[in-house]
Amino acid sequence: MSIEIKRDEGYVEISGGTEEIVGTDYAEILPTQPSVNLAVVKGKLASALSGQDGMTCWISGMGRVYLLDGHHTFVACRMAGTTARIKLKKFGFPAGDHSSWKTVSWADFVPAKEKLKQKV
């Protein structure tokens, strides 16, 4: 697996290898939410991961990369071994106490993006 930070181009790219990161010590890209929905991840895998442009991240002053949006897509990319290109934001915050994906769990919930789609 490799991680490339392309600050000038405005993205972070992770490629290589397939891995299950939920509940593990994976810490290359840190989560900012406590859980992901397995059904949503499976749906993304079934759709061949179309729509990767929703992922965003932020790099802290200490050089840690935090995933701000697109957790389900990112987990699916890691499971499939697909290159994840994540848009780099100029500001953000490390929400929660996540020093790895070990504290992230699978949960049955409707993601905020889906709730917003339902209201439109």
PDB file of N, CA and C in Angstrom:
ATOM      1  N   MET A   1       0.834  -1.178   0.000  1.00  0.00           N
ATOM      2  CA  MET A   1       0.000   0.000   0.000  1.00  0.00           C
ATOM      3  C   MET A   1       0.877   1.239   0.000  1.00  0.00           C
ATOM      4  N   SER A   2       0.422   2.251  -0.716  1.00  0.00           N
ATOM      5  CA  SER A   2       1.176   3.500  -0.720  1.00  0.00           C
ATOM      6  C   SER A   2       0.219   4.675  -0.543  1.00  0.00           C
ATOM      7  N   ILE A   3       0.742   5.726   0.050  1.00  0.00           N
ATOM      8  CA  ILE A   3      -0.022   6.953   0.232  1.00  0.00           C
ATOM      9  C   ILE A   3       0.793   8.085  -0.381  1.00  0.00           C
ATOM     10  N   GLU A   4       0.136   8.881  -1.199  1.00  0.00           N
ATOM     11  CA  GLU A   4       0.781  10.043  -1.796  1.00  0.00           C
ATOM     12  C   GLU A   4      -0.019  11.278  -1.422  1.00  0.00           C
ATOM     13  N   ILE A   5       0.655  12.269  -0.871  1.00  0.00           N
ATOM     14  CA  ILE A   5       0.002  13.533  -0.542  1.00  0.00           C
ATOM     15  C   ILE A   5       0.414  14.540  -1.599  1.00  0.00           C
ATOM     16  N   LYS A   6      -0.545  14.987  -2.362  1.00  0.00           N
ATOM     17  CA  LYS A   6      -0.308  15.933  -3.462  1.00  0.00           C
ATOM     18  C   LYS A   6      -0.932  17.274  -3.084  1.00  0.00           C
ATOM     19  N   ARG A   7      -0.287  17.999  -2.200  1.00  0.00           N
ATOM     20  CA  ARG A   7      -0.837  19.273  -1.721  1.00  0.00           C
ATOM     21  C   ARG A   7      -1.093  20.265  -2.859  1.00  0.00           C
ATOM     22  N   ASP A   8      -0.159  20.381  -3.782  1.00  0.00           N
ATOM     23  CA  ASP A   8      -0.313  21.340  -4.878  1.00  0.00           C
ATOM     24  C   ASP A   8      -1.483  20.984  -5.790  1.00  0.00           C
ATOM     25  N   GLU A   9      -1.726  19.693  -5.984  1.00  0.00           N
ATOM     26  CA  GLU A   9      -2.827  19.255  -6.829  1.00  0.00           C
ATOM     27  C   GLU A   9      -4.148  19.165  -6.057  1.00  0.00           C
ATOM     28  N   GLY A  10      -4.066  19.171  -4.717  1.00  0.00           N
ATOM     29  CA  GLY A  10      -5.262  19.194  -3.880  1.00  0.00           C
ATOM     30  C   GLY A  10      -5.883  17.842  -3.572  1.00  0.00           C
ATOM     31  N   TYR A  11      -5.059  16.793  -3.484  1.00  0.00           N
ATOM     32  CA  TYR A  11      -5.624  15.499  -3.126  1.00  0.00           C
ATOM     33  C   TYR A  11      -4.610  14.609  -2.427  1.00  0.00           C
ATOM     34  N   VAL A  12      -5.147  13.561  -1.786  1.00  0.00           N
ATOM     35  CA  VAL A  12      -4.361  12.499  -1.177  1.00  0.00           C
ATOM     36  C   VAL A  12      -4.791  11.221  -1.883  1.00  0.00           C
ATOM     37  N   GLU A  13      -3.844  10.370  -2.220  1.00  0.00           N
ATOM     38  CA  GLU A  13      -4.171   9.138  -2.935  1.00  0.00           C
ATOM     39  C   GLU A  13      -3.600   7.940  -2.196  1.00  0.00           C
ATOM     40  N   ILE A  14      -4.447   6.931  -1.993  1.00  0.00           N
ATOM     41  CA  ILE A  14      -4.046   5.682  -1.349  1.00  0.00           C
ATOM     42  C   ILE A  14      -4.253   4.577  -2.377  1.00  0.00           C
ATOM     43  N   SER A  15      -3.254   3.732  -2.569  1.00  0.00           N
ATOM     44  CA  SER A  15      -3.408   2.645  -3.532  1.00  0.00           C
ATOM     45  C   SER A  15      -2.713   1.393  -3.031  1.00  0.00           C
ATOM     46  N   GLY A  16      -3.071   0.275  -3.646  1.00  0.00           N
ATOM     47  CA  GLY A  16      -2.414  -0.995  -3.370  1.00  0.00           C
ATOM     48  C   GLY A  16      -3.016  -1.786  -2.236  1.00  0.00           C
ATOM     49  N   GLY A  17      -3.157  -3.066  -2.456  1.00  0.00           N
ATOM     50  CA  GLY A  17      -3.590  -3.999  -1.423  1.00  0.00           C
ATOM     51  C   GLY A  17      -5.066  -3.921  -1.071  1.00  0.00           C
ATOM     52  N   THR A  18      -5.603  -5.063  -0.675  1.00  0.00           N
ATOM     53  CA  THR A  18      -6.971  -5.102  -0.168  1.00  0.00           C
ATOM     54  C   THR A  18      -6.885  -5.336   1.328  1.00  0.00           C
ATOM     55  N   GLU A  19      -7.721  -4.638   2.058  1.00  0.00           N
ATOM     56  CA  GLU A  19      -7.702  -4.827   3.509  1.00  0.00           C
ATOM     57  C   GLU A  19      -9.009  -4.375   4.126  1.00  0.00           C
ATOM     58  N   GLU A  20      -9.347  -5.032   5.211  1.00  0.00           N
ATOM     59  CA  GLU A  20     -10.499  -4.683   6.020  1.00  0.00           C
ATOM     60  C   GLU A  20      -9.969  -3.752   7.107  1.00  0.00           C
ATOM     61  N   ILE A  21     -10.440  -2.508   7.143  1.00  0.00           N
ATOM     62  CA  ILE A  21      -9.864  -1.553   8.096  1.00  0.00           C
ATOM     63  C   ILE A  21     -10.743  -1.277   9.312  1.00  0.00           C
ATOM     64  N   VAL A  22     -12.034  -1.544   9.227  1.00  0.00           N
ATOM     65  CA  VAL A  22     -12.936  -1.269  10.356  1.00  0.00           C
ATOM     66  C   VAL A  22     -12.554  -2.151  11.543  1.00  0.00           C
ATOM     67  N   GLY A  23     -12.321  -1.527  12.696  1.00  0.00           N
ATOM     68  CA  GLY A  23     -11.950  -2.252  13.913  1.00  0.00           C
ATOM     69  C   GLY A  23     -10.488  -2.662  13.976  1.00  0.00           C
ATOM     70  N   THR A  24      -9.648  -2.096  13.088  1.00  0.00           N
ATOM     71  CA  THR A  24      -8.227  -2.468  13.071  1.00  0.00           C
ATOM     72  C   THR A  24      -7.341  -1.277  13.439  1.00  0.00           C
ATOM     73  N   ASP A  25      -6.042  -1.524  13.488  1.00  0.00           N
ATOM     74  CA  ASP A  25      -5.070  -0.477  13.801  1.00  0.00           C
ATOM     75  C   ASP A  25      -4.694   0.382  12.599  1.00  0.00           C
ATOM     76  N   TYR A  26      -5.390   0.235  11.473  1.00  0.00           N
ATOM     77  CA  TYR A  26      -5.101   1.023  10.272  1.00  0.00           C
ATOM     78  C   TYR A  26      -5.117   2.509  10.630  1.00  0.00           C
ATOM     79  N   ALA A  27      -4.051   3.236  10.279  1.00  0.00           N
ATOM     80  CA  ALA A  27      -3.954   4.637  10.699  1.00  0.00           C
ATOM     81  C   ALA A  27      -3.360   5.557   9.634  1.00  0.00           C
ATOM     82  N   GLU A  28      -3.319   5.112   8.381  1.00  0.00           N
ATOM     83  CA  GLU A  28      -2.795   5.977   7.317  1.00  0.00           C
ATOM     84  C   GLU A  28      -3.723   7.173   7.094  1.00  0.00           C
ATOM     85  N   ILE A  29      -5.012   6.900   7.031  1.00  0.00           N
ATOM     86  CA  ILE A  29      -6.053   7.932   6.923  1.00  0.00           C
ATOM     87  C   ILE A  29      -6.964   7.699   8.121  1.00  0.00           C
ATOM     88  N   LEU A  30      -7.129   8.700   8.969  1.00  0.00           N
ATOM     89  CA  LEU A  30      -7.892   8.521  10.205  1.00  0.00           C
ATOM     90  C   LEU A  30      -9.365   8.884  10.031  1.00  0.00           C
ATOM     91  N   PRO A  31     -10.254   8.137  10.684  1.00  0.00           N
ATOM     92  CA  PRO A  31     -11.687   8.411  10.590  1.00  0.00           C
ATOM     93  C   PRO A  31     -12.098   9.579  11.487  1.00  0.00           C
ATOM     94  N   THR A  32     -13.250  10.153  11.189  1.00  0.00           N
ATOM     95  CA  THR A  32     -13.817  11.193  12.063  1.00  0.00           C
ATOM     96  C   THR A  32     -15.245  10.838  12.452  1.00  0.00           C
ATOM     97  N   GLN A  33     -15.635   9.593  12.238  1.00  0.00           N
ATOM     98  CA  GLN A  33     -16.952   9.140  12.691  1.00  0.00           C
ATOM     99  C   GLN A  33     -16.794   7.777  13.353  1.00  0.00           C
ATOM    100  N   PRO A  34     -17.697   7.441  14.277  1.00  0.00           N
ATOM    101  CA  PRO A  34     -17.532   6.231  15.079  1.00  0.00           C
ATOM    102  C   PRO A  34     -17.959   4.921  14.416  1.00  0.00           C
ATOM    103  N   SER A  35     -18.699   4.988  13.304  1.00  0.00           N
ATOM    104  CA  SER A  35     -19.182   3.752  12.709  1.00  0.00           C
ATOM    105  C   SER A  35     -19.450   3.909  11.216  1.00  0.00           C
ATOM    106  N   VAL A  36     -19.523   2.759  10.538  1.00  0.00           N
ATOM    107  CA  VAL A  36     -19.911   2.705   9.130  1.00  0.00           C
ATOM    108  C   VAL A  36     -20.950   1.597   8.980  1.00  0.00           C
ATOM    109  N   ASN A  37     -21.762   1.705   7.943  1.00  0.00           N
ATOM    110  CA  ASN A  37     -22.845   0.759   7.701  1.00  0.00           C
ATOM    111  C   ASN A  37     -22.382  -0.246   6.640  1.00  0.00           C
ATOM    112  N   LEU A  38     -22.340  -1.535   7.004  1.00  0.00           N
ATOM    113  CA  LEU A  38     -21.861  -2.565   6.097  1.00  0.00           C
ATOM    114  C   LEU A  38     -22.719  -2.644   4.834  1.00  0.00           C
ATOM    115  N   ALA A  39     -24.030  -2.447   4.954  1.00  0.00           N
ATOM    116  CA  ALA A  39     -24.904  -2.499   3.773  1.00  0.00           C
ATOM    117  C   ALA A  39     -24.546  -1.404   2.777  1.00  0.00           C
ATOM    118  N   VAL A  40     -24.203  -0.229   3.263  1.00  0.00           N
ATOM    119  CA  VAL A  40     -23.814   0.878   2.385  1.00  0.00           C
ATOM    120  C   VAL A  40     -22.488   0.557   1.697  1.00  0.00           C
ATOM    121  N   VAL A  41     -21.537   0.009   2.452  1.00  0.00           N
ATOM    122  CA  VAL A  41     -20.239  -0.366   1.877  1.00  0.00           C
ATOM    123  C   VAL A  41     -20.440  -1.436   0.797  1.00  0.00           C
ATOM    124  N   LYS A  42     -21.266  -2.439   1.068  1.00  0.00           N
ATOM    125  CA  LYS A  42     -21.536  -3.490   0.083  1.00  0.00           C
ATOM    126  C   LYS A  42     -22.195  -2.911  -1.168  1.00  0.00           C
ATOM    127  N   GLY A  43     -23.080  -1.926  -0.978  1.00  0.00           N
ATOM    128  CA  GLY A  43     -23.712  -1.264  -2.113  1.00  0.00           C
ATOM    129  C   GLY A  43     -22.688  -0.545  -2.977  1.00  0.00           C
ATOM    130  N   LYS A  44     -21.723   0.077  -2.353  1.00  0.00           N
ATOM    131  CA  LYS A  44     -20.669   0.774  -3.104  1.00  0.00           C
ATOM    132  C   LYS A  44     -19.789  -0.227  -3.850  1.00  0.00           C
ATOM    133  N   LEU A  45     -19.510  -1.359  -3.216  1.00  0.00           N
ATOM    134  CA  LEU A  45     -18.727  -2.400  -3.883  1.00  0.00           C
ATOM    135  C   LEU A  45     -19.492  -2.955  -5.087  1.00  0.00           C
ATOM    136  N   ALA A  46     -20.796  -3.150  -4.938  1.00  0.00           N
ATOM    137  CA  ALA A  46     -21.620  -3.686  -6.027  1.00  0.00           C
ATOM    138  C   ALA A  46     -21.725  -2.715  -7.197  1.00  0.00           C
ATOM    139  N   SER A  47     -21.637  -1.415  -6.907  1.00  0.00           N
ATOM    140  CA  SER A  47     -21.738  -0.412  -7.976  1.00  0.00           C
ATOM    141  C   SER A  47     -20.371  -0.048  -8.553  1.00  0.00           C
ATOM    142  N   ALA A  48     -19.396  -0.890  -8.287  1.00  0.00           N
ATOM    143  CA  ALA A  48     -18.028  -0.694  -8.788  1.00  0.00           C
ATOM    144  C   ALA A  48     -17.435   0.636  -8.335  1.00  0.00           C
ATOM    145  N   LEU A  49     -17.840   1.093  -7.162  1.00  0.00           N
ATOM    146  CA  LEU A  49     -17.290   2.293  -6.531  1.00  0.00           C
ATOM    147  C   LEU A  49     -17.430   3.544  -7.386  1.00  0.00           C
ATOM    148  N   SER A  50     -18.530   3.664  -8.097  1.00  0.00           N
ATOM    149  CA  SER A  50     -18.753   4.897  -8.863  1.00  0.00           C
ATOM    150  C   SER A  50     -19.027   6.036  -7.885  1.00  0.00           C
ATOM    151  N   GLY A  51     -18.658   7.225  -8.251  1.00  0.00           N
ATOM    152  CA  GLY A  51     -18.900   8.395  -7.408  1.00  0.00           C
ATOM    153  C   GLY A  51     -17.909   8.573  -6.286  1.00  0.00           C
ATOM    154  N   GLN A  52     -16.632   8.312  -6.539  1.00  0.00           N
ATOM    155  CA  GLN A  52     -15.613   8.476  -5.511  1.00  0.00           C
ATOM    156  C   GLN A  52     -15.362   9.931  -5.142  1.00  0.00           C
ATOM    157  N   ASP A  53     -15.898  10.865  -5.918  1.00  0.00           N
ATOM    158  CA  ASP A  53     -15.577  12.274  -5.667  1.00  0.00           C
ATOM    159  C   ASP A  53     -16.110  12.817  -4.353  1.00  0.00           C
ATOM    160  N   GLY A  54     -16.863  12.060  -3.576  1.00  0.00           N
ATOM    161  CA  GLY A  54     -17.406  12.558  -2.317  1.00  0.00           C
ATOM    162  C   GLY A  54     -16.442  12.505  -1.149  1.00  0.00           C
ATOM    163  N   MET A  55     -15.268  11.932  -1.334  1.00  0.00           N
ATOM    164  CA  MET A  55     -14.329  11.804  -0.215  1.00  0.00           C
ATOM    165  C   MET A  55     -13.507  13.074  -0.049  1.00  0.00           C
ATOM    166  N   THR A  56     -13.414  13.544   1.193  1.00  0.00           N
ATOM    167  CA  THR A  56     -12.589  14.708   1.507  1.00  0.00           C
ATOM    168  C   THR A  56     -11.762  14.419   2.759  1.00  0.00           C
ATOM    169  N   CYS A  57     -10.594  15.063   2.846  1.00  0.00           N
ATOM    170  CA  CYS A  57      -9.739  14.889   4.013  1.00  0.00           C
ATOM    171  C   CYS A  57      -9.056  16.208   4.365  1.00  0.00           C
ATOM    172  N   TRP A  58      -8.420  16.204   5.498  1.00  0.00           N
ATOM    173  CA  TRP A  58      -7.693  17.363   6.005  1.00  0.00           C
ATOM    174  C   TRP A  58      -6.422  16.852   6.666  1.00  0.00           C
ATOM    175  N   ILE A  59      -5.333  17.590   6.517  1.00  0.00           N
ATOM    176  CA  ILE A  59      -4.074  17.218   7.154  1.00  0.00           C
ATOM    177  C   ILE A  59      -3.817  18.169   8.319  1.00  0.00           C
ATOM    178  N   SER A  60      -3.682  17.598   9.506  1.00  0.00           N
ATOM    179  CA  SER A  60      -3.464  18.411  10.706  1.00  0.00           C
ATOM    180  C   SER A  60      -2.053  18.993  10.713  1.00  0.00           C
ATOM    181  N   GLY A  61      -1.808  19.922  11.610  1.00  0.00           N
ATOM    182  CA  GLY A  61      -0.485  20.513  11.763  1.00  0.00           C
ATOM    183  C   GLY A  61       0.570  19.483  12.142  1.00  0.00           C
ATOM    184  N   MET A  62       0.132  18.356  12.690  1.00  0.00           N
ATOM    185  CA  MET A  62       1.049  17.275  13.074  1.00  0.00           C
ATOM    186  C   MET A  62       1.244  16.286  11.923  1.00  0.00           C
ATOM    187  N   GLY A  63       0.622  16.563  10.767  1.00  0.00           N
ATOM    188  CA  GLY A  63       0.792  15.710   9.598  1.00  0.00           C
ATOM    189  C   GLY A  63      -0.123  14.502   9.528  1.00  0.00           C
ATOM    190  N   ARG A  64      -1.109  14.427  10.410  1.00  0.00           N
ATOM    191  CA  ARG A  64      -2.062  13.308  10.390  1.00  0.00           C
ATOM    192  C   ARG A  64      -3.170  13.613   9.394  1.00  0.00           C
ATOM    193  N   VAL A  65      -3.557  12.622   8.610  1.00  0.00           N
ATOM    194  CA  VAL A  65      -4.585  12.795   7.584  1.00  0.00           C
ATOM    195  C   VAL A  65      -5.914  12.287   8.131  1.00  0.00           C
ATOM    196  N   TYR A  66      -6.904  13.178   8.199  1.00  0.00           N
ATOM    197  CA  TYR A  66      -8.237  12.851   8.716  1.00  0.00           C
ATOM    198  C   TYR A  66      -9.252  12.835   7.583  1.00  0.00           C
ATOM    199  N   LEU A  67      -9.999  11.736   7.475  1.00  0.00           N
ATOM    200  CA  LEU A  67     -11.070  11.621   6.499  1.00  0.00           C
ATOM    201  C   LEU A  67     -12.270  12.404   7.030  1.00  0.00           C
ATOM    202  N   LEU A  68     -12.703  13.414   6.299  1.00  0.00           N
ATOM    203  CA  LEU A  68     -13.824  14.236   6.749  1.00  0.00           C
ATOM    204  C   LEU A  68     -15.158  13.725   6.217  1.00  0.00           C
ATOM    205  N   ASP A  69     -15.161  13.270   4.980  1.00  0.00           N
ATOM    206  CA  ASP A  69     -16.392  12.798   4.360  1.00  0.00           C
ATOM    207  C   ASP A  69     -16.060  11.649   3.412  1.00  0.00           C
ATOM    208  N   GLY A  70     -16.970  10.699   3.299  1.00  0.00           N
ATOM    209  CA  GLY A  70     -16.767   9.575   2.392  1.00  0.00           C
ATOM    210  C   GLY A  70     -16.236   8.326   3.073  1.00  0.00           C
ATOM    211  N   HIS A  71     -16.560   8.133   4.343  1.00  0.00           N
ATOM    212  CA  HIS A  71     -16.066   6.973   5.085  1.00  0.00           C
ATOM    213  C   HIS A  71     -16.480   5.651   4.430  1.00  0.00           C
ATOM    214  N   HIS A  72     -17.733   5.538   3.996  1.00  0.00           N
ATOM    215  CA  HIS A  72     -18.208   4.300   3.391  1.00  0.00           C
ATOM    216  C   HIS A  72     -17.458   4.007   2.084  1.00  0.00           C
ATOM    217  N   THR A  73     -17.270   5.027   1.274  1.00  0.00           N
ATOM    218  CA  THR A  73     -16.547   4.860   0.016  1.00  0.00           C
ATOM    219  C   THR A  73     -15.094   4.475   0.279  1.00  0.00           C
ATOM    220  N   PHE A  74     -14.475   5.108   1.258  1.00  0.00           N
ATOM    221  CA  PHE A  74     -13.088   4.798   1.582  1.00  0.00           C
ATOM    222  C   PHE A  74     -12.935   3.357   2.055  1.00  0.00           C
ATOM    223  N   VAL A  75     -13.822   2.912   2.943  1.00  0.00           N
ATOM    224  CA  VAL A  75     -13.773   1.530   3.430  1.00  0.00           C
ATOM    225  C   VAL A  75     -13.943   0.565   2.250  1.00  0.00           C
ATOM    226  N   ALA A  76     -14.877   0.861   1.342  1.00  0.00           N
ATOM    227  CA  ALA A  76     -15.095   0.013   0.164  1.00  0.00           C
ATOM    228  C   ALA A  76     -13.847  -0.015  -0.726  1.00  0.00           C
ATOM    229  N   CYS A  77     -13.214   1.123  -0.916  1.00  0.00           N
ATOM    230  CA  CYS A  77     -11.980   1.178  -1.720  1.00  0.00           C
ATOM    231  C   CYS A  77     -10.897   0.299  -1.111  1.00  0.00           C
ATOM    232  N   ARG A  78     -10.738   0.353   0.200  1.00  0.00           N
ATOM    233  CA  ARG A  78      -9.706  -0.460   0.859  1.00  0.00           C
ATOM    234  C   ARG A  78     -10.047  -1.942   0.743  1.00  0.00           C
ATOM    235  N   MET A  79     -11.329  -2.298   0.860  1.00  0.00           N
ATOM    236  CA  MET A  79     -11.742  -3.700   0.749  1.00  0.00           C
ATOM    237  C   MET A  79     -11.496  -4.238  -0.661  1.00  0.00           C
ATOM    238  N   ALA A  80     -11.716  -3.390  -1.661  1.00  0.00           N
ATOM    239  CA  ALA A  80     -11.581  -3.810  -3.057  1.00  0.00           C
ATOM    240  C   ALA A  80     -10.167  -3.651  -3.597  1.00  0.00           C
ATOM    241  N   GLY A  81      -9.323  -2.941  -2.872  1.00  0.00           N
ATOM    242  CA  GLY A  81      -7.979  -2.676  -3.361  1.00  0.00           C
ATOM    243  C   GLY A  81      -7.947  -1.623  -4.452  1.00  0.00           C
ATOM    244  N   THR A  82      -8.998  -0.816  -4.511  1.00  0.00           N
ATOM    245  CA  THR A  82      -9.118   0.236  -5.509  1.00  0.00           C
ATOM    246  C   THR A  82      -8.406   1.497  -5.020  1.00  0.00           C
ATOM    247  N   THR A  83      -7.751   2.208  -5.915  1.00  0.00           N
ATOM    248  CA  THR A  83      -7.104   3.461  -5.551  1.00  0.00           C
ATOM    249  C   THR A  83      -8.153   4.467  -5.095  1.00  0.00           C
ATOM    250  N   ALA A  84      -7.914   5.087  -3.950  1.00  0.00           N
ATOM    251  CA  ALA A  84      -8.820   6.100  -3.413  1.00  0.00           C
ATOM    252  C   ALA A  84      -8.168   7.463  -3.577  1.00  0.00           C
ATOM    253  N   ARG A  85      -8.811   8.334  -4.327  1.00  0.00           N
ATOM    254  CA  ARG A  85      -8.315   9.702  -4.503  1.00  0.00           C
ATOM    255  C   ARG A  85      -9.236  10.600  -3.681  1.00  0.00           C
ATOM    256  N   ILE A  86      -8.662  11.226  -2.656  1.00  0.00           N
ATOM    257  CA  ILE A  86      -9.435  11.981  -1.671  1.00  0.00           C
ATOM    258  C   ILE A  86      -9.105  13.465  -1.780  1.00  0.00           C
ATOM    259  N   LYS A  87     -10.131  14.276  -1.986  1.00  0.00           N
ATOM    260  CA  LYS A  87      -9.933  15.723  -2.115  1.00  0.00           C
ATOM    261  C   LYS A  87      -9.421  16.296  -0.800  1.00  0.00           C
ATOM    262  N   LEU A  88      -8.404  17.118  -0.905  1.00  0.00           N
ATOM    263  CA  LEU A  88      -7.767  17.722   0.266  1.00  0.00           C
ATOM    264  C   LEU A  88      -8.395  19.080   0.570  1.00  0.00           C
ATOM    265  N   LYS A  89      -8.925  19.214   1.782  1.00  0.00           N
ATOM    266  CA  LYS A  89      -9.496  20.487   2.243  1.00  0.00           C
ATOM    267  C   LYS A  89      -8.410  21.287   2.960  1.00  0.00           C
ATOM    268  N   LYS A  90      -8.543  22.602   2.932  1.00  0.00           N
ATOM    269  CA  LYS A  90      -7.535  23.456   3.576  1.00  0.00           C
ATOM    270  C   LYS A  90      -7.742  23.581   5.078  1.00  0.00           C
ATOM    271  N   PHE A  91      -8.926  23.213   5.555  1.00  0.00           N
ATOM    272  CA  PHE A  91      -9.189  23.285   6.992  1.00  0.00           C
ATOM    273  C   PHE A  91     -10.057  22.109   7.400  1.00  0.00           C
ATOM    274  N   GLY A  92     -10.036  21.787   8.678  1.00  0.00           N
ATOM    275  CA  GLY A  92     -10.828  20.685   9.197  1.00  0.00           C
ATOM    276  C   GLY A  92     -10.559  20.525  10.674  1.00  0.00           C
ATOM    277  N   PHE A  93     -10.961  19.388  11.210  1.00  0.00           N
ATOM    278  CA  PHE A  93     -10.760  19.138  12.635  1.00  0.00           C
ATOM    279  C   PHE A  93     -10.781  17.632  12.875  1.00  0.00           C
ATOM    280  N   PRO A  94     -10.026  17.168  13.865  1.00  0.00           N
ATOM    281  CA  PRO A  94     -10.029  15.744  14.196  1.00  0.00           C
ATOM    282  C   PRO A  94     -11.189  15.417  15.137  1.00  0.00           C
ATOM    283  N   ALA A  95     -12.355  15.156  14.585  1.00  0.00           N
ATOM    284  CA  ALA A  95     -13.541  14.858  15.405  1.00  0.00           C
ATOM    285  C   ALA A  95     -13.400  13.506  16.082  1.00  0.00           C
ATOM    286  N   GLY A  96     -13.729  13.456  17.342  1.00  0.00           N
ATOM    287  CA  GLY A  96     -13.657  12.200  18.081  1.00  0.00           C
ATOM    288  C   GLY A  96     -12.238  11.849  18.480  1.00  0.00           C
ATOM    289  N   ASP A  97     -12.112  10.706  19.104  1.00  0.00           N
ATOM    290  CA  ASP A  97     -10.815  10.243  19.593  1.00  0.00           C
ATOM    291  C   ASP A  97     -10.376   9.045  18.759  1.00  0.00           C
ATOM    292  N   HIS A  98     -10.008   9.300  17.514  1.00  0.00           N
ATOM    293  CA  HIS A  98      -9.656   8.219  16.607  1.00  0.00           C
ATOM    294  C   HIS A  98      -8.186   8.313  16.210  1.00  0.00           C
ATOM    295  N   SER A  99      -7.363   7.472  16.805  1.00  0.00           N
ATOM    296  CA  SER A  99      -5.954   7.421  16.423  1.00  0.00           C
ATOM    297  C   SER A  99      -5.724   6.284  15.432  1.00  0.00           C
ATOM    298  N   SER A 100      -6.790   5.534  15.153  1.00  0.00           N
ATOM    299  CA  SER A 100      -6.779   4.478  14.144  1.00  0.00           C
ATOM    300  C   SER A 100      -8.243   4.110  13.879  1.00  0.00           C
ATOM    301  N   TRP A 101      -8.468   3.085  13.078  1.00  0.00           N
ATOM    302  CA  TRP A 101      -9.835   2.612  12.804  1.00  0.00           C
ATOM    303  C   TRP A 101     -10.286   1.591  13.841  1.00  0.00           C
ATOM    304  N   LYS A 102      -9.462   1.344  14.861  1.00  0.00           N
ATOM    305  CA  LYS A 102      -9.795   0.364  15.902  1.00  0.00           C
ATOM    306  C   LYS A 102     -11.076   0.716  16.655  1.00  0.00           C
ATOM    307  N   THR A 103     -11.344   1.999  16.838  1.00  0.00           N
ATOM    308  CA  THR A 103     -12.532   2.430  17.571  1.00  0.00           C
ATOM    309  C   THR A 103     -13.776   2.528  16.685  1.00  0.00           C
ATOM    310  N   VAL A 104     -13.620   2.298  15.387  1.00  0.00           N
ATOM    311  CA  VAL A 104     -14.751   2.366  14.454  1.00  0.00           C
ATOM    312  C   VAL A 104     -15.407   0.996  14.375  1.00  0.00           C
ATOM    313  N   SER A 105     -16.737   0.987  14.381  1.00  0.00           N
ATOM    314  CA  SER A 105     -17.465  -0.279  14.342  1.00  0.00           C
ATOM    315  C   SER A 105     -18.496  -0.278  13.216  1.00  0.00           C
ATOM    316  N   TRP A 106     -18.996  -1.463  12.919  1.00  0.00           N
ATOM    317  CA  TRP A 106     -20.095  -1.586  11.964  1.00  0.00           C
ATOM    318  C   TRP A 106     -21.386  -1.265  12.714  1.00  0.00           C
ATOM    319  N   ALA A 107     -22.282  -0.526  12.090  1.00  0.00           N
ATOM    320  CA  ALA A 107     -23.564  -0.192  12.716  1.00  0.00           C
ATOM    321  C   ALA A 107     -24.626  -0.067  11.636  1.00  0.00           C
ATOM    322  N   ASP A 108     -25.857  -0.343  12.021  1.00  0.00           N
ATOM    323  CA  ASP A 108     -26.979  -0.249  11.097  1.00  0.00           C
ATOM    324  C   ASP A 108     -27.630   1.116  11.288  1.00  0.00           C
ATOM    325  N   PHE A 109     -27.350   2.044  10.387  1.00  0.00           N
ATOM    326  CA  PHE A 109     -27.906   3.393  10.452  1.00  0.00           C
ATOM    327  C   PHE A 109     -28.017   3.952   9.051  1.00  0.00           C
ATOM    328  N   VAL A 110     -28.786   5.005   8.897  1.00  0.00           N
ATOM    329  CA  VAL A 110     -28.909   5.670   7.602  1.00  0.00           C
ATOM    330  C   VAL A 110     -27.902   6.824   7.597  1.00  0.00           C
ATOM    331  N   PRO A 111     -26.924   6.795   6.680  1.00  0.00           N
ATOM    332  CA  PRO A 111     -25.939   7.874   6.615  1.00  0.00           C
ATOM    333  C   PRO A 111     -26.597   9.231   6.332  1.00  0.00           C
ATOM    334  N   ALA A 112     -25.988  10.290   6.813  1.00  0.00           N
ATOM    335  CA  ALA A 112     -26.535  11.644   6.656  1.00  0.00           C
ATOM    336  C   ALA A 112     -26.799  11.984   5.191  1.00  0.00           C
ATOM    337  N   LYS A 113     -25.911  11.590   4.283  1.00  0.00           N
ATOM    338  CA  LYS A 113     -26.111  11.880   2.859  1.00  0.00           C
ATOM    339  C   LYS A 113     -27.408  11.253   2.348  1.00  0.00           C
ATOM    340  N   GLU A 114     -27.692  10.034   2.816  1.00  0.00           N
ATOM    341  CA  GLU A 114     -28.918   9.347   2.387  1.00  0.00           C
ATOM    342  C   GLU A 114     -30.150  10.036   2.963  1.00  0.00           C
ATOM    343  N   LYS A 115     -30.056  10.497   4.206  1.00  0.00           N
ATOM    344  CA  LYS A 115     -31.183  11.215   4.820  1.00  0.00           C
ATOM    345  C   LYS A 115     -31.474  12.491   4.021  1.00  0.00           C
ATOM    346  N   LEU A 116     -30.424  13.185   3.607  1.00  0.00           N
ATOM    347  CA  LEU A 116     -30.616  14.410   2.826  1.00  0.00           C
ATOM    348  C   LEU A 116     -31.263  14.105   1.476  1.00  0.00           C
ATOM    349  N   LYS A 117     -30.862  13.018   0.831  1.00  0.00           N
ATOM    350  CA  LYS A 117     -31.449  12.634  -0.445  1.00  0.00           C
ATOM    351  C   LYS A 117     -32.941  12.332  -0.301  1.00  0.00           C
ATOM    352  N   GLN A 118     -33.309  11.732   0.822  1.00  0.00           N
ATOM    353  CA  GLN A 118     -34.705  11.367   1.065  1.00  0.00           C
ATOM    354  C   GLN A 118     -35.589  12.604   1.239  1.00  0.00           C
ATOM    355  N   LYS A 119     -35.009  13.693   1.725  1.00  0.00           N
ATOM    356  CA  LYS A 119     -35.782  14.926   1.960  1.00  0.00           C
ATOM    357  C   LYS A 119     -35.978  15.740   0.701  1.00  0.00           C
ATOM    358  N   VAL A 120     -35.166  15.483  -0.322  1.00  0.00           N
ATOM    359  CA  VAL A 120     -35.247  16.270  -1.564  1.00  0.00           C
ATOM    360  C   VAL A 120     -36.367  15.778  -2.443  1.00  0.00           C
TER     361      VAL A 120
END
